[in-house]
């Protein structure tokens, strides 16, 4: 058992390290793409210029398209061609930087908004689950006779109020919360509580998972 536990812990740590390396590699590739993008644009325009010059000297173009060859040859040998090329380079670089800055700003802002929304969702659910855990602890201390047919009420207001926003949480956690809140909403009597007790007693586990997710999101916010 100890060896199996050690093996799974090593797999978890290696998987977490692998994900961290992937995030660092993605950031490095993004920085390199931004840094070398002007050279890529410049190289593309230079290649296009050399292709045009090749077409101006090509004999086969003169044979098949003499009018187009004369126009290209006249434009290549004029000052307008050099000026137009320089303007195209400057315009291409300015457009590229504008696109990069816009996409980067939108991506960063969107990630920040999603992280803040997830933290808000987690806080709301944790507060509600704390109240439900207190109700669960009280029910665990009583018997069916002590309730005397009284109605059991669990709180599900935050879950209903958040609605589709809860889907921003990880899929596995979202599924666990869906099952848990379905049981909480259907539990109104002692018999309902007994039938769903195994699921309801997982509230501490779900809260622990929410706390871990909150800690991870808080660290990511500090990285920003």
C-alpha atoms as a PDB file:
ATOM      1  CA  UNK A   1       0.000   0.000   0.000  1.00  0.00           C
ATOM      2  CA  UNK A   2       2.814   2.410   0.846  1.00  0.00           C
ATOM      3  CA  UNK A   3       4.539   1.725  -2.466  1.00  0.00           C
ATOM      4  CA  UNK A   4       1.291   2.245  -4.363  1.00  0.00           C
ATOM      5  CA  UNK A   5       0.630   5.499  -2.484  1.00  0.00           C
ATOM      6  CA  UNK A   6       4.189   6.665  -3.208  1.00  0.00           C
ATOM      7  CA  UNK A   7       3.806   5.754  -6.882  1.00  0.00           C
ATOM      8  CA  UNK A   8       0.567   7.708  -7.252  1.00  0.00           C
ATOM      9  CA  UNK A   9       2.079  10.696  -5.448  1.00  0.00           C
ATOM     10  CA  UNK A  10       5.089  10.657  -7.791  1.00  0.00           C
ATOM     11  CA  UNK A  11       2.745  10.485 -10.795  1.00  0.00           C
ATOM     12  CA  UNK A  12       0.762  13.428  -9.451  1.00  0.00           C
ATOM     13  CA  UNK A  13       3.886  15.516  -8.839  1.00  0.00           C
ATOM     14  CA  UNK A  14       5.346  14.634 -12.231  1.00  0.00           C
ATOM     15  CA  UNK A  15       2.060  15.493 -13.925  1.00  0.00           C
ATOM     16  CA  UNK A  16       1.932  18.830 -12.127  1.00  0.00           C
ATOM     17  CA  UNK A  17       5.549  19.544 -13.106  1.00  0.00           C
ATOM     18  CA  UNK A  18       4.774  18.589 -16.702  1.00  0.00           C
ATOM     19  CA  UNK A  19       1.826  20.993 -16.792  1.00  0.00           C
ATOM     20  CA  UNK A  20       4.004  23.743 -15.334  1.00  0.00           C
ATOM     21  CA  UNK A  21       6.646  23.101 -18.003  1.00  0.00           C
ATOM     22  CA  UNK A  22       3.969  23.250 -20.701  1.00  0.00           C
ATOM     23  CA  UNK A  23       2.748  26.615 -19.402  1.00  0.00           C
ATOM     24  CA  UNK A  24       6.315  27.965 -19.374  1.00  0.00           C
ATOM     25  CA  UNK A  25       6.935  26.627 -22.893  1.00  0.00           C
ATOM     26  CA  UNK A  26       3.734  28.239 -24.144  1.00  0.00           C
ATOM     27  CA  UNK A  27       4.747  31.606 -22.675  1.00  0.00           C
ATOM     28  CA  UNK A  28       8.224  31.265 -24.187  1.00  0.00           C
ATOM     29  CA  UNK A  29       6.801  30.493 -27.642  1.00  0.00           C
ATOM     30  CA  UNK A  30       4.461  33.470 -27.348  1.00  0.00           C
ATOM     31  CA  UNK A  31       7.343  35.798 -26.468  1.00  0.00           C
ATOM     32  CA  UNK A  32       9.462  34.447 -29.342  1.00  0.00           C
ATOM     33  CA  UNK A  33       6.567  34.820 -31.786  1.00  0.00           C
ATOM     34  CA  UNK A  34       6.046  38.445 -30.730  1.00  0.00           C
ATOM     35  CA  UNK A  35       9.768  39.206 -30.873  1.00  0.00           C
ATOM     36  CA  UNK A  36      10.406  37.631 -34.285  1.00  0.00           C
ATOM     37  CA  UNK A  37       7.125  38.644 -35.939  1.00  0.00           C
ATOM     38  CA  UNK A  38       8.633  41.851 -37.499  1.00  0.00           C
ATOM     39  CA  UNK A  39      11.397  39.764 -39.068  1.00  0.00           C
ATOM     40  CA  UNK A  40       8.805  37.320 -40.440  1.00  0.00           C
ATOM     41  CA  UNK A  41       6.824  40.159 -42.013  1.00  0.00           C
ATOM     42  CA  UNK A  42       9.981  41.757 -43.399  1.00  0.00           C
ATOM     43  CA  UNK A  43      11.191  38.435 -44.817  1.00  0.00           C
ATOM     44  CA  UNK A  44       7.817  37.809 -46.465  1.00  0.00           C
ATOM     45  CA  UNK A  45       7.831  41.218 -48.113  1.00  0.00           C
ATOM     46  CA  UNK A  46      11.426  40.762 -49.290  1.00  0.00           C
ATOM     47  CA  UNK A  47      10.512  37.413 -50.845  1.00  0.00           C
ATOM     48  CA  UNK A  48       7.548  39.032 -52.578  1.00  0.00           C
ATOM     49  CA  UNK A  49       9.805  41.792 -53.907  1.00  0.00           C
ATOM     50  CA  UNK A  50      12.307  39.286 -55.284  1.00  0.00           C
ATOM     51  CA  UNK A  51       9.483  37.316 -56.912  1.00  0.00           C
ATOM     52  CA  UNK A  52       8.298  40.482 -58.660  1.00  0.00           C
ATOM     53  CA  UNK A  53      11.812  41.228 -59.828  1.00  0.00           C
ATOM     54  CA  UNK A  54      12.169  37.666 -61.094  1.00  0.00           C
ATOM     55  CA  UNK A  55       8.928  38.024 -63.041  1.00  0.00           C
ATOM     56  CA  UNK A  56      10.218  41.269 -64.544  1.00  0.00           C
ATOM     57  CA  UNK A  57      13.295  39.441 -65.875  1.00  0.00           C
ATOM     58  CA  UNK A  58      11.513  36.220 -66.825  1.00  0.00           C
ATOM     59  CA  UNK A  59      11.504  35.488 -70.561  1.00  0.00           C
ATOM     60  CA  UNK A  60       8.463  33.214 -70.422  1.00  0.00           C
ATOM     61  CA  UNK A  61       6.321  36.059 -69.003  1.00  0.00           C
ATOM     62  CA  UNK A  62       7.349  38.266 -71.936  1.00  0.00           C
ATOM     63  CA  UNK A  63       6.269  35.522 -74.339  1.00  0.00           C
ATOM     64  CA  UNK A  64       2.915  34.665 -72.755  1.00  0.00           C
ATOM     65  CA  UNK A  65       1.937  38.028 -71.195  1.00  0.00           C
ATOM     66  CA  UNK A  66       3.912  40.798 -72.898  1.00  0.00           C
ATOM     67  CA  UNK A  67       1.657  43.595 -71.617  1.00  0.00           C
ATOM     68  CA  UNK A  68       1.921  42.461 -67.990  1.00  0.00           C
ATOM     69  CA  UNK A  69       5.684  41.991 -68.378  1.00  0.00           C
ATOM     70  CA  UNK A  70       6.093  45.577 -69.650  1.00  0.00           C
ATOM     71  CA  UNK A  71       4.055  46.987 -66.745  1.00  0.00           C
ATOM     72  CA  UNK A  72       6.002  44.977 -64.148  1.00  0.00           C
ATOM     73  CA  UNK A  73       9.343  45.865 -65.737  1.00  0.00           C
ATOM     74  CA  UNK A  74       8.456  49.562 -65.804  1.00  0.00           C
ATOM     75  CA  UNK A  75       7.249  49.583 -62.177  1.00  0.00           C
ATOM     76  CA  UNK A  76      10.236  47.615 -60.860  1.00  0.00           C
ATOM     77  CA  UNK A  77      12.676  50.082 -62.379  1.00  0.00           C
ATOM     78  CA  UNK A  78      10.865  53.139 -60.975  1.00  0.00           C
ATOM     79  CA  UNK A  79      11.281  54.941 -57.663  1.00  0.00           C
ATOM     80  CA  UNK A  80       7.631  54.206 -56.891  1.00  0.00           C
ATOM     81  CA  UNK A  81       8.416  50.519 -56.438  1.00  0.00           C
ATOM     82  CA  UNK A  82      11.019  51.177 -53.723  1.00  0.00           C
ATOM     83  CA  UNK A  83       8.805  53.733 -51.977  1.00  0.00           C
ATOM     84  CA  UNK A  84       5.803  51.446 -52.154  1.00  0.00           C
ATOM     85  CA  UNK A  85       7.787  48.552 -50.750  1.00  0.00           C
ATOM     86  CA  UNK A  86       9.020  50.635 -47.790  1.00  0.00           C
ATOM     87  CA  UNK A  87       5.487  51.849 -47.099  1.00  0.00           C
ATOM     88  CA  UNK A  88       4.198  48.273 -47.265  1.00  0.00           C
ATOM     89  CA  UNK A  89       6.853  47.181 -44.766  1.00  0.00           C
ATOM     90  CA  UNK A  90       5.994  49.983 -42.350  1.00  0.00           C
ATOM     91  CA  UNK A  91       2.255  49.464 -42.723  1.00  0.00           C
ATOM     92  CA  UNK A  92       2.581  45.712 -42.279  1.00  0.00           C
ATOM     93  CA  UNK A  93       4.674  46.060 -39.121  1.00  0.00           C
ATOM     94  CA  UNK A  94       2.329  48.647 -37.582  1.00  0.00           C
ATOM     95  CA  UNK A  95      -0.702  46.481 -38.395  1.00  0.00           C
ATOM     96  CA  UNK A  96       1.009  43.417 -36.958  1.00  0.00           C
ATOM     97  CA  UNK A  97       1.913  45.175 -33.715  1.00  0.00           C
ATOM     98  CA  UNK A  98      -1.618  46.506 -33.443  1.00  0.00           C
ATOM     99  CA  UNK A  99      -3.078  43.028 -33.841  1.00  0.00           C
ATOM    100  CA  UNK A 100      -0.614  41.531 -31.347  1.00  0.00           C
ATOM    101  CA  UNK A 101      -1.304  44.167 -28.700  1.00  0.00           C
ATOM    102  CA  UNK A 102      -5.072  43.870 -29.188  1.00  0.00           C
ATOM    103  CA  UNK A 103      -5.094  40.069 -28.977  1.00  0.00           C
ATOM    104  CA  UNK A 104      -2.728  40.038 -25.995  1.00  0.00           C
ATOM    105  CA  UNK A 105      -4.787  42.637 -24.119  1.00  0.00           C
ATOM    106  CA  UNK A 106      -8.051  40.818 -24.838  1.00  0.00           C
ATOM    107  CA  UNK A 107      -6.576  37.453 -23.851  1.00  0.00           C
ATOM    108  CA  UNK A 108      -5.101  38.785 -20.586  1.00  0.00           C
ATOM    109  CA  UNK A 109      -8.249  40.702 -19.683  1.00  0.00           C
ATOM    110  CA  UNK A 110     -10.461  37.732 -20.482  1.00  0.00           C
ATOM    111  CA  UNK A 111      -8.350  35.372 -18.396  1.00  0.00           C
ATOM    112  CA  UNK A 112      -8.424  37.834 -15.490  1.00  0.00           C
ATOM    113  CA  UNK A 113     -12.202  38.195 -15.714  1.00  0.00           C
ATOM    114  CA  UNK A 114     -12.716  34.422 -15.831  1.00  0.00           C
ATOM    115  CA  UNK A 115     -10.394  33.907 -12.852  1.00  0.00           C
ATOM    116  CA  UNK A 116     -12.212  36.564 -10.811  1.00  0.00           C
ATOM    117  CA  UNK A 117     -15.587  35.093 -11.737  1.00  0.00           C
ATOM    118  CA  UNK A 118     -14.441  31.615 -10.751  1.00  0.00           C
ATOM    119  CA  UNK A 119     -13.225  32.927  -7.384  1.00  0.00           C
ATOM    120  CA  UNK A 120     -16.583  34.621  -6.819  1.00  0.00           C
ATOM    121  CA  UNK A 121     -18.432  31.385  -7.667  1.00  0.00           C
ATOM    122  CA  UNK A 122     -16.211  29.388  -5.325  1.00  0.00           C
ATOM    123  CA  UNK A 123     -16.740  31.841  -2.460  1.00  0.00           C
ATOM    124  CA  UNK A 124     -20.519  31.752  -2.898  1.00  0.00           C
ATOM    125  CA  UNK A 125     -20.636  27.959  -3.022  1.00  0.00           C
ATOM    126  CA  UNK A 126     -18.310  27.567  -0.043  1.00  0.00           C
ATOM    127  CA  UNK A 127     -20.473  29.831   2.110  1.00  0.00           C
ATOM    128  CA  UNK A 128     -23.573  27.872   1.181  1.00  0.00           C
ATOM    129  CA  UNK A 129     -21.920  24.491   1.661  1.00  0.00           C
ATOM    130  CA  UNK A 130     -20.742  25.576   5.130  1.00  0.00           C
ATOM    131  CA  UNK A 131     -24.363  26.181   6.108  1.00  0.00           C
ATOM    132  CA  UNK A 132     -25.403  22.859   4.622  1.00  0.00           C
ATOM    133  CA  UNK A 133     -22.599  21.082   6.463  1.00  0.00           C
ATOM    134  CA  UNK A 134     -23.869  22.501   9.759  1.00  0.00           C
ATOM    135  CA  UNK A 135     -27.343  21.209   8.926  1.00  0.00           C
ATOM    136  CA  UNK A 136     -25.826  17.831   8.053  1.00  0.00           C
ATOM    137  CA  UNK A 137     -23.936  17.719  11.360  1.00  0.00           C
ATOM    138  CA  UNK A 138     -27.122  18.492  13.261  1.00  0.00           C
ATOM    139  CA  UNK A 139     -29.033  15.764  11.407  1.00  0.00           C
ATOM    140  CA  UNK A 140     -26.283  13.253  12.109  1.00  0.00           C
ATOM    141  CA  UNK A 141     -26.746  13.842  15.843  1.00  0.00           C
ATOM    142  CA  UNK A 142     -30.497  13.229  15.756  1.00  0.00           C
ATOM    143  CA  UNK A 143     -32.622  10.222  15.065  1.00  0.00           C
ATOM    144  CA  UNK A 144     -35.797   9.883  13.051  1.00  0.00           C
ATOM    145  CA  UNK A 145     -37.912  10.054  16.221  1.00  0.00           C
ATOM    146  CA  UNK A 146     -36.428  13.342  17.390  1.00  0.00           C
ATOM    147  CA  UNK A 147     -37.460  15.044  14.141  1.00  0.00           C
ATOM    148  CA  UNK A 148     -41.121  14.002  14.533  1.00  0.00           C
ATOM    149  CA  UNK A 149     -41.899  14.459  10.877  1.00  0.00           C
ATOM    150  CA  UNK A 150     -40.256  17.871  10.684  1.00  0.00           C
ATOM    151  CA  UNK A 151     -39.136  19.198   7.337  1.00  0.00           C
ATOM    152  CA  UNK A 152     -35.434  19.250   6.447  1.00  0.00           C
ATOM    153  CA  UNK A 153     -34.257  22.334   4.600  1.00  0.00           C
ATOM    154  CA  UNK A 154     -30.916  22.612   2.845  1.00  0.00           C
ATOM    155  CA  UNK A 155     -29.770  25.814   1.217  1.00  0.00           C
ATOM    156  CA  UNK A 156     -29.516  25.779  -2.601  1.00  0.00           C
ATOM    157  CA  UNK A 157     -30.041  29.487  -3.301  1.00  0.00           C
ATOM    158  CA  UNK A 158     -26.477  30.247  -4.389  1.00  0.00           C
ATOM    159  CA  UNK A 159     -26.433  27.320  -6.818  1.00  0.00           C
ATOM    160  CA  UNK A 160     -29.699  28.458  -8.426  1.00  0.00           C
ATOM    161  CA  UNK A 161     -28.618  32.094  -8.455  1.00  0.00           C
ATOM    162  CA  UNK A 162     -25.285  31.390 -10.171  1.00  0.00           C
ATOM    163  CA  UNK A 163     -26.972  29.341 -12.882  1.00  0.00           C
ATOM    164  CA  UNK A 164     -24.864  28.601 -15.957  1.00  0.00           C
ATOM    165  CA  UNK A 165     -21.837  30.440 -14.530  1.00  0.00           C
ATOM    166  CA  UNK A 166     -21.031  27.336 -12.471  1.00  0.00           C
ATOM    167  CA  UNK A 167     -19.941  25.702 -15.757  1.00  0.00           C
ATOM    168  CA  UNK A 168     -16.774  27.845 -15.530  1.00  0.00           C
ATOM    169  CA  UNK A 169     -15.533  25.429 -12.876  1.00  0.00           C
ATOM    170  CA  UNK A 170     -13.618  22.295 -13.917  1.00  0.00           C
ATOM    171  CA  UNK A 171     -15.863  19.651 -15.470  1.00  0.00           C
ATOM    172  CA  UNK A 172     -15.289  16.993 -12.807  1.00  0.00           C
ATOM    173  CA  UNK A 173     -16.001  19.420  -9.971  1.00  0.00           C
ATOM    174  CA  UNK A 174     -19.037  20.763 -11.786  1.00  0.00           C
ATOM    175  CA  UNK A 175     -20.446  17.239 -12.128  1.00  0.00           C
ATOM    176  CA  UNK A 176     -19.888  16.537  -8.434  1.00  0.00           C
ATOM    177  CA  UNK A 177     -21.615  19.782  -7.494  1.00  0.00           C
ATOM    178  CA  UNK A 178     -24.529  19.016  -9.818  1.00  0.00           C
ATOM    179  CA  UNK A 179     -25.099  15.625  -8.195  1.00  0.00           C
ATOM    180  CA  UNK A 180     -24.688  17.063  -4.689  1.00  0.00           C
ATOM    181  CA  UNK A 181     -27.096  19.949  -5.207  1.00  0.00           C
ATOM    182  CA  UNK A 182     -29.628  17.673  -6.860  1.00  0.00           C
ATOM    183  CA  UNK A 183     -29.637  15.631  -3.653  1.00  0.00           C
ATOM    184  CA  UNK A 184     -29.779  18.758  -1.490  1.00  0.00           C
ATOM    185  CA  UNK A 185     -32.762  20.076  -3.400  1.00  0.00           C
ATOM    186  CA  UNK A 186     -34.647  16.773  -3.180  1.00  0.00           C
ATOM    187  CA  UNK A 187     -33.957  16.210   0.528  1.00  0.00           C
ATOM    188  CA  UNK A 188     -36.956  17.443   2.524  1.00  0.00           C
ATOM    189  CA  UNK A 189     -37.672  14.605   4.974  1.00  0.00           C
ATOM    190  CA  UNK A 190     -35.823  12.083   7.093  1.00  0.00           C
ATOM    191  CA  UNK A 191     -36.400   9.290   4.583  1.00  0.00           C
ATOM    192  CA  UNK A 192     -34.990  11.502   1.802  1.00  0.00           C
ATOM    193  CA  UNK A 193     -31.996  12.216   3.990  1.00  0.00           C
ATOM    194  CA  UNK A 194     -31.352   8.541   4.632  1.00  0.00           C
ATOM    195  CA  UNK A 195     -31.635   7.674   0.937  1.00  0.00           C
ATOM    196  CA  UNK A 196     -29.177  10.413  -0.050  1.00  0.00           C
ATOM    197  CA  UNK A 197     -26.950  10.342   3.010  1.00  0.00           C
ATOM    198  CA  UNK A 198     -23.939   8.827   1.228  1.00  0.00           C
ATOM    199  CA  UNK A 199     -23.922  11.668  -1.282  1.00  0.00           C
ATOM    200  CA  UNK A 200     -24.610  14.395   1.290  1.00  0.00           C
ATOM    201  CA  UNK A 201     -21.739  13.235   3.469  1.00  0.00           C
ATOM    202  CA  UNK A 202     -19.377  14.133   0.624  1.00  0.00           C
ATOM    203  CA  UNK A 203     -19.917  17.845   1.301  1.00  0.00           C
ATOM    204  CA  UNK A 204     -16.551  18.151   3.153  1.00  0.00           C
ATOM    205  CA  UNK A 205     -14.747  16.520   0.206  1.00  0.00           C
ATOM    206  CA  UNK A 206     -16.355  18.923  -2.271  1.00  0.00           C
ATOM    207  CA  UNK A 207     -15.476  21.855  -0.010  1.00  0.00           C
ATOM    208  CA  UNK A 208     -11.860  20.686   0.159  1.00  0.00           C
ATOM    209  CA  UNK A 209     -11.726  20.494  -3.640  1.00  0.00           C
ATOM    210  CA  UNK A 210     -13.182  23.999  -3.913  1.00  0.00           C
ATOM    211  CA  UNK A 211     -10.570  25.284  -1.461  1.00  0.00           C
ATOM    212  CA  UNK A 212      -7.763  23.716  -3.500  1.00  0.00           C
ATOM    213  CA  UNK A 213      -9.119  25.304  -6.659  1.00  0.00           C
ATOM    214  CA  UNK A 214      -9.379  28.672  -4.908  1.00  0.00           C
ATOM    215  CA  UNK A 215      -5.751  28.455  -3.777  1.00  0.00           C
ATOM    216  CA  UNK A 216      -4.602  27.587  -7.295  1.00  0.00           C
ATOM    217  CA  UNK A 217      -6.571  30.455  -8.845  1.00  0.00           C
ATOM    218  CA  UNK A 218      -5.223  32.872  -6.240  1.00  0.00           C
ATOM    219  CA  UNK A 219      -1.660  31.888  -7.160  1.00  0.00           C
ATOM    220  CA  UNK A 220      -2.430  32.441 -10.834  1.00  0.00           C
ATOM    221  CA  UNK A 221      -3.771  35.918 -10.044  1.00  0.00           C
ATOM    222  CA  UNK A 222      -0.510  36.724  -8.259  1.00  0.00           C
ATOM    223  CA  UNK A 223       1.381  35.638 -11.394  1.00  0.00           C
ATOM    224  CA  UNK A 224      -0.537  38.218 -13.430  1.00  0.00           C
END
